[in-house]
Amino acid sequence: MLIGEDYKISHEFGKFIMCLILTLYGSAALQPLIRYYLIESMVISLLISSCLTKAIRIPLC
């Protein structure tokens, strides 16, 4: 609203951002796993963990 955005749009965007904050927990768990799996060349494990995280993230969003 500080930059002239409509109140209704700002309000809805604020609710959307609050939902996205919940997905940070999934991302925080995934990022160290991605680094570990890439270092160890465990591509299948990386694929499975990424799919599980996305499966949790989609309903939350």
C-alpha atoms as a PDB file:
ATOM      1  CA  MET A   1       0.000   0.000   0.000  1.00  0.00           C
ATOM      2  CA  LEU A   2       2.968   2.294   0.501  1.00  0.00           C
ATOM      3  CA  ILE A   3       3.678   2.280  -3.222  1.00  0.00           C
ATOM      4  CA  GLY A   4       0.064   2.973  -4.253  1.00  0.00           C
ATOM      5  CA  GLU A   5      -1.273  -0.583  -4.587  1.00  0.00           C
ATOM      6  CA  ASP A   6      -4.998  -1.148  -4.140  1.00  0.00           C
ATOM      7  CA  TYR A   7      -6.035  -2.137  -0.594  1.00  0.00           C
ATOM      8  CA  LYS A   8      -7.818  -5.352  -1.668  1.00  0.00           C
ATOM      9  CA  ILE A   9      -4.860  -6.551  -3.702  1.00  0.00           C
ATOM     10  CA  SER A  10      -2.465  -5.782  -0.841  1.00  0.00           C
ATOM     11  CA  HIS A  11      -4.665  -7.614   1.625  1.00  0.00           C
ATOM     12  CA  GLU A  12      -4.943 -10.754  -0.551  1.00  0.00           C
ATOM     13  CA  PHE A  13      -1.223 -10.723  -1.251  1.00  0.00           C
ATOM     14  CA  GLY A  14      -0.572 -10.528   2.488  1.00  0.00           C
ATOM     15  CA  LYS A  15      -2.659 -13.668   3.039  1.00  0.00           C
ATOM     16  CA  PHE A  16      -0.809 -15.415   0.199  1.00  0.00           C
ATOM     17  CA  ILE A  17       2.572 -14.537   1.718  1.00  0.00           C
ATOM     18  CA  MET A  18       1.464 -15.922   5.090  1.00  0.00           C
ATOM     19  CA  CYS A  19       0.754 -19.260   3.377  1.00  0.00           C
ATOM     20  CA  LEU A  20       4.147 -19.203   1.691  1.00  0.00           C
ATOM     21  CA  ILE A  21       5.864 -18.703   5.035  1.00  0.00           C
ATOM     22  CA  LEU A  22       4.632 -22.180   6.003  1.00  0.00           C
ATOM     23  CA  THR A  23       6.421 -23.682   3.013  1.00  0.00           C
ATOM     24  CA  LEU A  24       9.752 -22.352   4.254  1.00  0.00           C
ATOM     25  CA  TYR A  25       9.934 -25.268   6.677  1.00  0.00           C
ATOM     26  CA  GLY A  26       9.842 -27.746   3.797  1.00  0.00           C
ATOM     27  CA  SER A  27      12.463 -25.792   1.904  1.00  0.00           C
ATOM     28  CA  ALA A  28      14.667 -25.515   4.979  1.00  0.00           C
ATOM     29  CA  ALA A  29      14.636 -29.303   5.320  1.00  0.00           C
ATOM     30  CA  LEU A  30      15.212 -29.867   1.616  1.00  0.00           C
ATOM     31  CA  GLN A  31      18.192 -27.585   0.981  1.00  0.00           C
ATOM     32  CA  PRO A  32      20.730 -29.469   3.160  1.00  0.00           C
ATOM     33  CA  LEU A  33      19.533 -32.764   1.669  1.00  0.00           C
ATOM     34  CA  ILE A  34      20.047 -31.441  -1.854  1.00  0.00           C
ATOM     35  CA  ARG A  35      23.629 -30.452  -1.085  1.00  0.00           C
ATOM     36  CA  TYR A  36      24.388 -33.782   0.572  1.00  0.00           C
ATOM     37  CA  TYR A  37      22.864 -35.853  -2.226  1.00  0.00           C
ATOM     38  CA  LEU A  38      24.676 -33.861  -4.898  1.00  0.00           C
ATOM     39  CA  ILE A  39      28.009 -34.317  -3.146  1.00  0.00           C
ATOM     40  CA  GLU A  40      27.394 -38.054  -2.766  1.00  0.00           C
ATOM     41  CA  SER A  41      25.970 -38.379  -6.327  1.00  0.00           C
ATOM     42  CA  MET A  42      22.714 -39.865  -5.019  1.00  0.00           C
ATOM     43  CA  VAL A  43      20.442 -38.711  -7.817  1.00  0.00           C
ATOM     44  CA  ILE A  44      17.524 -41.081  -7.137  1.00  0.00           C
ATOM     45  CA  SER A  45      17.386 -40.046  -3.465  1.00  0.00           C
ATOM     46  CA  LEU A  46      17.452 -36.415  -4.548  1.00  0.00           C
ATOM     47  CA  LEU A  47      14.548 -37.020  -6.909  1.00  0.00           C
ATOM     48  CA  ILE A  48      12.482 -38.751  -4.219  1.00  0.00           C
ATOM     49  CA  SER A  49      13.100 -36.088  -1.576  1.00  0.00           C
ATOM     50  CA  SER A  50      12.313 -33.306  -4.056  1.00  0.00           C
ATOM     51  CA  CYS A  51       9.064 -34.971  -5.083  1.00  0.00           C
ATOM     52  CA  LEU A  52       8.020 -35.446  -1.458  1.00  0.00           C
ATOM     53  CA  THR A  53       8.737 -31.830  -0.648  1.00  0.00           C
ATOM     54  CA  LYS A  54       6.798 -30.630  -3.678  1.00  0.00           C
ATOM     55  CA  ALA A  55       3.899 -32.904  -2.739  1.00  0.00           C
ATOM     56  CA  ILE A  56       3.732 -31.242   0.671  1.00  0.00           C
ATOM     57  CA  ARG A  57       4.253 -27.744  -0.691  1.00  0.00           C
ATOM     58  CA  ILE A  58       1.534 -27.778  -3.356  1.00  0.00           C
ATOM     59  CA  PRO A  59      -1.404 -28.314  -0.941  1.00  0.00           C
ATOM     60  CA  LEU A  60      -0.005 -25.688   1.435  1.00  0.00           C
ATOM     61  CA  CYS A  61       0.119 -23.105  -1.320  1.00  0.00           C
END
